[in-house]
PDB file of N, CA and C in Angstrom:
ATOM      1  N   UNK A   1       0.767  -1.188  -0.225  1.00  0.00           N
ATOM      2  CA  UNK A   1      -0.171  -0.039   0.008  1.00  0.00           C
ATOM      3  C   UNK A   1       1.067   1.466   0.068  1.00  0.00           C
ATOM      4  N   UNK A   2       0.496   2.392  -0.815  1.00  0.00           N
ATOM      5  CA  UNK A   2       1.361   3.475  -1.182  1.00  0.00           C
ATOM      6  C   UNK A   2       1.332   4.049   0.620  1.00  0.00           C
ATOM      7  N   UNK A   3       2.495   4.824   0.674  1.00  0.00           N
ATOM      8  CA  UNK A   3       2.751   5.482   2.154  1.00  0.00           C
ATOM      9  C   UNK A   3       1.475   6.503   1.951  1.00  0.00           C
ATOM     10  N   UNK A   4       1.286   7.400   1.127  1.00  0.00           N
ATOM     11  CA  UNK A   4       0.065   8.535   1.585  1.00  0.00           C
ATOM     12  C   UNK A   4      -1.000   7.678   1.609  1.00  0.00           C
ATOM     13  N   UNK A   5      -1.567   6.753   0.872  1.00  0.00           N
ATOM     14  CA  UNK A   5      -2.639   5.908   1.631  1.00  0.00           C
ATOM     15  C   UNK A   5      -2.834   5.372   2.947  1.00  0.00           C
ATOM     16  N   UNK A   6      -2.015   4.940   3.154  1.00  0.00           N
ATOM     17  CA  UNK A   6      -1.399   4.611   4.651  1.00  0.00           C
ATOM     18  C   UNK A   6      -1.629   5.475   5.699  1.00  0.00           C
ATOM     19  N   UNK A   7      -0.889   6.792   5.259  1.00  0.00           N
ATOM     20  CA  UNK A   7      -0.999   7.842   6.357  1.00  0.00           C
ATOM     21  C   UNK A   7      -2.519   8.691   6.315  1.00  0.00           C
ATOM     22  N   UNK A   8      -3.359   8.515   5.370  1.00  0.00           N
ATOM     23  CA  UNK A   8      -4.303   8.982   5.803  1.00  0.00           C
ATOM     24  C   UNK A   8      -5.220   8.218   6.106  1.00  0.00           C
ATOM     25  N   UNK A   9      -5.396   6.807   5.893  1.00  0.00           N
ATOM     26  CA  UNK A   9      -5.857   6.007   6.600  1.00  0.00           C
ATOM     27  C   UNK A   9      -5.982   5.606   8.243  1.00  0.00           C
ATOM     28  N   UNK A  10      -4.337   5.978   8.381  1.00  0.00           N
ATOM     29  CA  UNK A  10      -4.018   5.670   9.868  1.00  0.00           C
ATOM     30  C   UNK A  10      -4.384   6.722  10.413  1.00  0.00           C
ATOM     31  N   UNK A  11      -3.899   7.932   9.876  1.00  0.00           N
ATOM     32  CA  UNK A  11      -4.060   9.527  10.614  1.00  0.00           C
ATOM     33  C   UNK A  11      -5.277  10.251  10.404  1.00  0.00           C
ATOM     34  N   UNK A  12      -5.317  10.837   9.177  1.00  0.00           N
ATOM     35  CA  UNK A  12      -6.352  11.925   8.888  1.00  0.00           C
ATOM     36  C   UNK A  12      -7.936  11.211   8.992  1.00  0.00           C
ATOM     37  N   UNK A  13      -8.045  10.023   8.739  1.00  0.00           N
ATOM     38  CA  UNK A  13      -9.397   9.448   8.583  1.00  0.00           C
ATOM     39  C   UNK A  13     -10.044   9.653  10.054  1.00  0.00           C
ATOM     40  N   UNK A  14      -9.113   9.029  10.888  1.00  0.00           N
ATOM     41  CA  UNK A  14      -9.612   8.717  12.374  1.00  0.00           C
ATOM     42  C   UNK A  14      -9.883  10.687  12.943  1.00  0.00           C
ATOM     43  N   UNK A  15      -9.090  11.254  12.628  1.00  0.00           N
ATOM     44  CA  UNK A  15      -8.800  12.324  13.045  1.00  0.00           C
ATOM     45  C   UNK A  15     -10.498  13.281  12.527  1.00  0.00           C
ATOM     46  N   UNK A  16     -10.549  13.141  11.439  1.00  0.00           N
ATOM     47  CA  UNK A  16     -11.904  13.601  10.550  1.00  0.00           C
ATOM     48  C   UNK A  16     -13.150  13.044  11.210  1.00  0.00           C
ATOM     49  N   UNK A  17     -12.866  11.601  11.479  1.00  0.00           N
ATOM     50  CA  UNK A  17     -14.115  11.091  12.121  1.00  0.00           C
ATOM     51  C   UNK A  17     -14.079  11.490  13.448  1.00  0.00           C
ATOM     52  N   UNK A  18     -13.378  11.597  14.203  1.00  0.00           N
ATOM     53  CA  UNK A  18     -13.341  12.266  15.707  1.00  0.00           C
ATOM     54  C   UNK A  18     -14.184  13.664  15.396  1.00  0.00           C
ATOM     55  N   UNK A  19     -13.210  14.388  14.516  1.00  0.00           N
ATOM     56  CA  UNK A  19     -14.157  16.125  14.381  1.00  0.00           C
ATOM     57  C   UNK A  19     -15.530  16.076  13.995  1.00  0.00           C
ATOM     58  N   UNK A  20     -16.023  15.194  13.076  1.00  0.00           N
ATOM     59  CA  UNK A  20     -17.325  15.050  12.631  1.00  0.00           C
ATOM     60  C   UNK A  20     -18.285  14.502  13.842  1.00  0.00           C
ATOM     61  N   UNK A  21     -17.900  13.657  14.705  1.00  0.00           N
ATOM     62  CA  UNK A  21     -18.584  13.165  15.978  1.00  0.00           C
ATOM     63  C   UNK A  21     -18.585  14.696  16.937  1.00  0.00           C
ATOM     64  N   UNK A  22     -17.368  15.058  17.043  1.00  0.00           N
ATOM     65  CA  UNK A  22     -17.588  16.526  17.800  1.00  0.00           C
ATOM     66  C   UNK A  22     -18.562  17.509  17.129  1.00  0.00           C
ATOM     67  N   UNK A  23     -18.561  17.493  16.238  1.00  0.00           N
ATOM     68  CA  UNK A  23     -19.554  18.363  15.153  1.00  0.00           C
ATOM     69  C   UNK A  23     -20.831  18.157  15.421  1.00  0.00           C
ATOM     70  N   UNK A  24     -21.157  16.725  15.468  1.00  0.00           N
ATOM     71  CA  UNK A  24     -22.644  16.357  15.329  1.00  0.00           C
ATOM     72  C   UNK A  24     -22.858  16.398  16.978  1.00  0.00           C
ATOM     73  N   UNK A  25     -22.358  15.982  17.994  1.00  0.00           N
ATOM     74  CA  UNK A  25     -22.393  16.399  19.462  1.00  0.00           C
ATOM     75  C   UNK A  25     -22.869  18.056  19.752  1.00  0.00           C
ATOM     76  N   UNK A  26     -21.802  18.763  18.864  1.00  0.00           N
ATOM     77  CA  UNK A  26     -22.432  20.217  19.383  1.00  0.00           C
ATOM     78  C   UNK A  26     -23.630  20.579  18.677  1.00  0.00           C
ATOM     79  N   UNK A  27     -23.828  20.079  17.331  1.00  0.00           N
ATOM     80  CA  UNK A  27     -25.025  20.495  16.889  1.00  0.00           C
ATOM     81  C   UNK A  27     -26.368  19.828  17.748  1.00  0.00           C
ATOM     82  N   UNK A  28     -26.247  18.744  17.848  1.00  0.00           N
ATOM     83  CA  UNK A  28     -27.071  17.789  19.064  1.00  0.00           C
ATOM     84  C   UNK A  28     -27.088  18.927  20.534  1.00  0.00           C
ATOM     85  N   UNK A  29     -26.096  19.374  20.856  1.00  0.00           N
ATOM     86  CA  UNK A  29     -26.177  20.088  21.807  1.00  0.00           C
ATOM     87  C   UNK A  29     -27.115  21.102  21.943  1.00  0.00           C
ATOM     88  N   UNK A  30     -26.633  21.992  20.884  1.00  0.00           N
ATOM     89  CA  UNK A  30     -27.078  23.490  20.662  1.00  0.00           C
ATOM     90  C   UNK A  30     -28.692  23.656  19.577  1.00  0.00           C
ATOM     91  N   UNK A  31     -28.916  22.718  19.334  1.00  0.00           N
ATOM     92  CA  UNK A  31     -30.519  22.555  18.957  1.00  0.00           C
ATOM     93  C   UNK A  31     -31.415  22.627  19.496  1.00  0.00           C
ATOM     94  N   UNK A  32     -32.158  23.637  19.752  1.00  0.00           N
ATOM     95  CA  UNK A  32     -33.292  23.795  20.583  1.00  0.00           C
ATOM     96  C   UNK A  32     -34.336  22.472  20.391  1.00  0.00           C
ATOM     97  N   UNK A  33     -34.639  21.815  21.554  1.00  0.00           N
ATOM     98  CA  UNK A  33     -35.691  20.932  20.972  1.00  0.00           C
ATOM     99  C   UNK A  33     -37.052  21.480  21.342  1.00  0.00           C
ATOM    100  N   UNK A  34     -38.343  20.965  20.765  1.00  0.00           N
ATOM    101  CA  UNK A  34     -39.518  21.831  20.978  1.00  0.00           C
ATOM    102  C   UNK A  34     -40.228  21.058  21.885  1.00  0.00           C
ATOM    103  N   UNK A  35     -41.280  21.516  22.409  1.00  0.00           N
ATOM    104  CA  UNK A  35     -41.889  20.924  23.418  1.00  0.00           C
ATOM    105  C   UNK A  35     -42.740  19.861  22.781  1.00  0.00           C
ATOM    106  N   UNK A  36     -43.402  20.202  21.468  1.00  0.00           N
ATOM    107  CA  UNK A  36     -44.163  19.479  20.710  1.00  0.00           C
ATOM    108  C   UNK A  36     -43.203  18.752  19.896  1.00  0.00           C
ATOM    109  N   UNK A  37     -44.136  17.307  19.990  1.00  0.00           N
ATOM    110  CA  UNK A  37     -43.341  16.402  19.164  1.00  0.00           C
ATOM    111  C   UNK A  37     -43.657  14.808  19.389  1.00  0.00           C
ATOM    112  N   UNK A  38     -42.949  13.811  18.788  1.00  0.00           N
ATOM    113  CA  UNK A  38     -43.531  12.384  19.307  1.00  0.00           C
ATOM    114  C   UNK A  38     -42.677  12.431  20.678  1.00  0.00           C
ATOM    115  N   UNK A  39     -43.841  11.937  21.621  1.00  0.00           N
ATOM    116  CA  UNK A  39     -43.487  11.498  22.536  1.00  0.00           C
ATOM    117  C   UNK A  39     -42.826  10.132  23.175  1.00  0.00           C
ATOM    118  N   UNK A  40     -42.278   9.573  22.077  1.00  0.00           N
ATOM    119  CA  UNK A  40     -41.610   8.228  21.962  1.00  0.00           C
ATOM    120  C   UNK A  40     -40.098   8.550  22.079  1.00  0.00           C
ATOM    121  N   UNK A  41     -39.707   9.420  21.332  1.00  0.00           N
ATOM    122  CA  UNK A  41     -38.626  10.336  21.214  1.00  0.00           C
ATOM    123  C   UNK A  41     -38.193  11.076  22.201  1.00  0.00           C
ATOM    124  N   UNK A  42     -39.001  11.582  23.158  1.00  0.00           N
ATOM    125  CA  UNK A  42     -39.018  12.685  23.836  1.00  0.00           C
ATOM    126  C   UNK A  42     -37.529  12.638  24.692  1.00  0.00           C
ATOM    127  N   UNK A  43     -36.597  13.202  25.047  1.00  0.00           N
ATOM    128  CA  UNK A  43     -35.650  13.116  25.769  1.00  0.00           C
ATOM    129  C   UNK A  43     -35.338  14.285  26.730  1.00  0.00           C
ATOM    130  N   UNK A  44     -35.185  13.635  27.868  1.00  0.00           N
ATOM    131  CA  UNK A  44     -35.018  14.569  29.347  1.00  0.00           C
ATOM    132  C   UNK A  44     -33.840  15.363  28.461  1.00  0.00           C
ATOM    133  N   UNK A  45     -33.852  16.800  28.877  1.00  0.00           N
ATOM    134  CA  UNK A  45     -32.659  17.585  28.910  1.00  0.00           C
ATOM    135  C   UNK A  45     -31.247  17.236  29.424  1.00  0.00           C
ATOM    136  N   UNK A  46     -31.341  16.435  30.708  1.00  0.00           N
ATOM    137  CA  UNK A  46     -29.995  15.873  31.612  1.00  0.00           C
ATOM    138  C   UNK A  46     -29.600  14.843  30.377  1.00  0.00           C
ATOM    139  N   UNK A  47     -30.153  14.247  30.066  1.00  0.00           N
ATOM    140  CA  UNK A  47     -29.730  13.000  29.580  1.00  0.00           C
ATOM    141  C   UNK A  47     -29.557  13.331  28.100  1.00  0.00           C
ATOM    142  N   UNK A  48     -29.948  14.309  27.372  1.00  0.00           N
ATOM    143  CA  UNK A  48     -29.681  14.586  25.991  1.00  0.00           C
ATOM    144  C   UNK A  48     -27.821  15.234  26.466  1.00  0.00           C
ATOM    145  N   UNK A  49     -27.864  16.400  27.308  1.00  0.00           N
ATOM    146  CA  UNK A  49     -26.647  16.824  27.597  1.00  0.00           C
ATOM    147  C   UNK A  49     -25.604  15.849  28.191  1.00  0.00           C
ATOM    148  N   UNK A  50     -26.190  14.782  28.901  1.00  0.00           N
ATOM    149  CA  UNK A  50     -24.836  13.706  29.097  1.00  0.00           C
ATOM    150  C   UNK A  50     -24.533  12.710  27.686  1.00  0.00           C
ATOM    151  N   UNK A  51     -25.648  12.785  26.847  1.00  0.00           N
ATOM    152  CA  UNK A  51     -25.252  11.496  25.828  1.00  0.00           C
ATOM    153  C   UNK A  51     -24.372  12.741  24.667  1.00  0.00           C
ATOM    154  N   UNK A  52     -24.674  14.154  24.693  1.00  0.00           N
ATOM    155  CA  UNK A  52     -23.783  14.792  23.869  1.00  0.00           C
ATOM    156  C   UNK A  52     -22.475  15.162  24.421  1.00  0.00           C
ATOM    157  N   UNK A  53     -22.408  15.431  25.741  1.00  0.00           N
ATOM    158  CA  UNK A  53     -21.033  15.280  26.153  1.00  0.00           C
ATOM    159  C   UNK A  53     -20.278  14.235  26.057  1.00  0.00           C
ATOM    160  N   UNK A  54     -21.072  12.881  26.261  1.00  0.00           N
ATOM    161  CA  UNK A  54     -20.177  11.628  25.879  1.00  0.00           C
ATOM    162  C   UNK A  54     -19.780  11.426  24.524  1.00  0.00           C
ATOM    163  N   UNK A  55     -20.439  11.983  23.750  1.00  0.00           N
ATOM    164  CA  UNK A  55     -19.894  11.673  22.200  1.00  0.00           C
ATOM    165  C   UNK A  55     -18.788  13.048  21.981  1.00  0.00           C
ATOM    166  N   UNK A  56     -18.757  13.863  22.340  1.00  0.00           N
ATOM    167  CA  UNK A  56     -17.745  15.154  22.717  1.00  0.00           C
ATOM    168  C   UNK A  56     -16.620  14.487  23.314  1.00  0.00           C
ATOM    169  N   UNK A  57     -16.718  13.630  24.174  1.00  0.00           N
ATOM    170  CA  UNK A  57     -15.320  12.950  24.758  1.00  0.00           C
ATOM    171  C   UNK A  57     -14.663  11.827  24.057  1.00  0.00           C
ATOM    172  N   UNK A  58     -15.463  11.096  23.230  1.00  0.00           N
ATOM    173  CA  UNK A  58     -14.967   9.811  22.631  1.00  0.00           C
ATOM    174  C   UNK A  58     -14.561  10.486  21.532  1.00  0.00           C
ATOM    175  N   UNK A  59     -15.117  11.613  20.785  1.00  0.00           N
ATOM    176  CA  UNK A  59     -14.514  12.403  19.350  1.00  0.00           C
ATOM    177  C   UNK A  59     -13.201  12.935  19.879  1.00  0.00           C
ATOM    178  N   UNK A  60     -13.065  13.521  21.153  1.00  0.00           N
ATOM    179  CA  UNK A  60     -11.694  13.971  21.517  1.00  0.00           C
ATOM    180  C   UNK A  60     -10.713  13.171  21.973  1.00  0.00           C
ATOM    181  N   UNK A  61     -11.110  12.220  22.570  1.00  0.00           N
ATOM    182  CA  UNK A  61      -9.838  10.724  22.585  1.00  0.00           C
ATOM    183  C   UNK A  61      -9.768  10.251  21.110  1.00  0.00           C
ATOM    184  N   UNK A  62     -10.465  10.104  20.422  1.00  0.00           N
ATOM    185  CA  UNK A  62     -10.124   9.726  19.124  1.00  0.00           C
ATOM    186  C   UNK A  62      -9.159  10.858  18.381  1.00  0.00           C
ATOM    187  N   UNK A  63      -9.639  12.223  18.334  1.00  0.00           N
ATOM    188  CA  UNK A  63      -8.804  13.527  18.014  1.00  0.00           C
ATOM    189  C   UNK A  63      -7.220  12.920  18.635  1.00  0.00           C
ATOM    190  N   UNK A  64      -7.075  12.924  19.851  1.00  0.00           N
ATOM    191  CA  UNK A  64      -6.020  13.654  20.385  1.00  0.00           C
ATOM    192  C   UNK A  64      -5.040  12.001  20.462  1.00  0.00           C
ATOM    193  N   UNK A  65      -5.921  10.750  20.639  1.00  0.00           N
ATOM    194  CA  UNK A  65      -5.075   9.584  20.408  1.00  0.00           C
ATOM    195  C   UNK A  65      -4.223   9.731  19.036  1.00  0.00           C
ATOM    196  N   UNK A  66      -5.266   9.804  17.907  1.00  0.00           N
ATOM    197  CA  UNK A  66      -4.477   9.583  16.573  1.00  0.00           C
ATOM    198  C   UNK A  66      -3.503  10.943  16.355  1.00  0.00           C
ATOM    199  N   UNK A  67      -3.646  11.972  17.055  1.00  0.00           N
ATOM    200  CA  UNK A  67      -2.560  13.083  16.949  1.00  0.00           C
ATOM    201  C   UNK A  67      -1.035  12.568  17.505  1.00  0.00           C
ATOM    202  N   UNK A  68      -1.466  12.060  18.571  1.00  0.00           N
ATOM    203  CA  UNK A  68      -0.429  11.506  19.736  1.00  0.00           C
ATOM    204  C   UNK A  68       0.537  10.348  18.498  1.00  0.00           C
ATOM    205  N   UNK A  69      -0.607   9.761  18.126  1.00  0.00           N
ATOM    206  CA  UNK A  69       0.301   8.606  17.518  1.00  0.00           C
ATOM    207  C   UNK A  69       0.887   9.180  16.218  1.00  0.00           C
ATOM    208  N   UNK A  70       0.559  10.341  15.290  1.00  0.00           N
ATOM    209  CA  UNK A  70       1.253  11.027  14.194  1.00  0.00           C
ATOM    210  C   UNK A  70       2.307  11.681  14.583  1.00  0.00           C
ATOM    211  N   UNK A  71       2.357  12.143  16.089  1.00  0.00           N
ATOM    212  CA  UNK A  71       3.406  12.975  16.342  1.00  0.00           C
ATOM    213  C   UNK A  71       4.498  12.289  16.522  1.00  0.00           C
ATOM    214  N   UNK A  72       4.530  10.806  17.253  1.00  0.00           N
ATOM    215  CA  UNK A  72       5.361   9.995  17.457  1.00  0.00           C
ATOM    216  C   UNK A  72       5.771   8.976  16.148  1.00  0.00           C
ATOM    217  N   UNK A  73       5.188   9.032  15.057  1.00  0.00           N
ATOM    218  CA  UNK A  73       5.601   8.557  13.925  1.00  0.00           C
ATOM    219  C   UNK A  73       6.563   9.319  13.067  1.00  0.00           C
ATOM    220  N   UNK A  74       5.971  10.782  13.168  1.00  0.00           N
ATOM    221  CA  UNK A  74       7.118  11.549  12.402  1.00  0.00           C
ATOM    222  C   UNK A  74       8.300  11.965  13.310  1.00  0.00           C
ATOM    223  N   UNK A  75       8.095  11.860  14.614  1.00  0.00           N
ATOM    224  CA  UNK A  75       9.493  12.119  15.378  1.00  0.00           C
ATOM    225  C   UNK A  75      10.378  10.898  15.139  1.00  0.00           C
ATOM    226  N   UNK A  76       9.864   9.940  14.620  1.00  0.00           N
ATOM    227  CA  UNK A  76      10.953   8.780  14.326  1.00  0.00           C
ATOM    228  C   UNK A  76      11.371   8.938  12.798  1.00  0.00           C
ATOM    229  N   UNK A  77      10.536   9.193  11.956  1.00  0.00           N
ATOM    230  CA  UNK A  77      10.898   9.601  10.853  1.00  0.00           C
ATOM    231  C   UNK A  77      11.840  10.514  10.372  1.00  0.00           C
ATOM    232  N   UNK A  78      11.648  11.713  11.425  1.00  0.00           N
ATOM    233  CA  UNK A  78      12.333  12.827  11.357  1.00  0.00           C
ATOM    234  C   UNK A  78      14.050  12.668  11.848  1.00  0.00           C
ATOM    235  N   UNK A  79      14.022  11.257  12.559  1.00  0.00           N
ATOM    236  CA  UNK A  79      15.023  10.893  13.540  1.00  0.00           C
ATOM    237  C   UNK A  79      15.777  10.223  12.170  1.00  0.00           C
ATOM    238  N   UNK A  80      15.312   9.942  11.384  1.00  0.00           N
ATOM    239  CA  UNK A  80      16.425   9.035  10.339  1.00  0.00           C
ATOM    240  C   UNK A  80      16.114   7.544  10.716  1.00  0.00           C
ATOM    241  N   UNK A  81      15.417   6.910  11.716  1.00  0.00           N
ATOM    242  CA  UNK A  81      15.017   5.743  12.118  1.00  0.00           C
ATOM    243  C   UNK A  81      14.588   4.866  11.334  1.00  0.00           C
ATOM    244  N   UNK A  82      14.536   3.929  10.543  1.00  0.00           N
ATOM    245  CA  UNK A  82      13.857   3.129   9.784  1.00  0.00           C
ATOM    246  C   UNK A  82      12.911   2.082  10.311  1.00  0.00           C
ATOM    247  N   UNK A  83      13.292   2.108  11.789  1.00  0.00           N
ATOM    248  CA  UNK A  83      12.076   1.282  12.445  1.00  0.00           C
ATOM    249  C   UNK A  83      10.793   1.926  13.083  1.00  0.00           C
ATOM    250  N   UNK A  84       9.913   1.548  12.526  1.00  0.00           N
ATOM    251  CA  UNK A  84       8.664   2.501  12.900  1.00  0.00           C
ATOM    252  C   UNK A  84       7.976   1.978  14.170  1.00  0.00           C
ATOM    253  N   UNK A  85       8.558   0.556  14.043  1.00  0.00           N
ATOM    254  CA  UNK A  85       7.229  -0.200  15.242  1.00  0.00           C
ATOM    255  C   UNK A  85       8.527  -0.457  16.433  1.00  0.00           C
TER     256      UNK A  85
END
């Protein structure tokens, strides 16, 4: 597999996925919920906030762990070492 494809799939795709999760959770948290609606899908405001906050935390962990792995591999590559693992 080419190096650029491996870098995209290993670094940038998880970062983009984490940022999308954070954006969707932010949209979920900031969008007002109307009082009228389907009672089967009514959410308590506290549970909606907890759910949105949990998704933000998961997205943040995904972005930060991927960024750390990218920084570590970049440091090894810049040091001239041929051993990545």
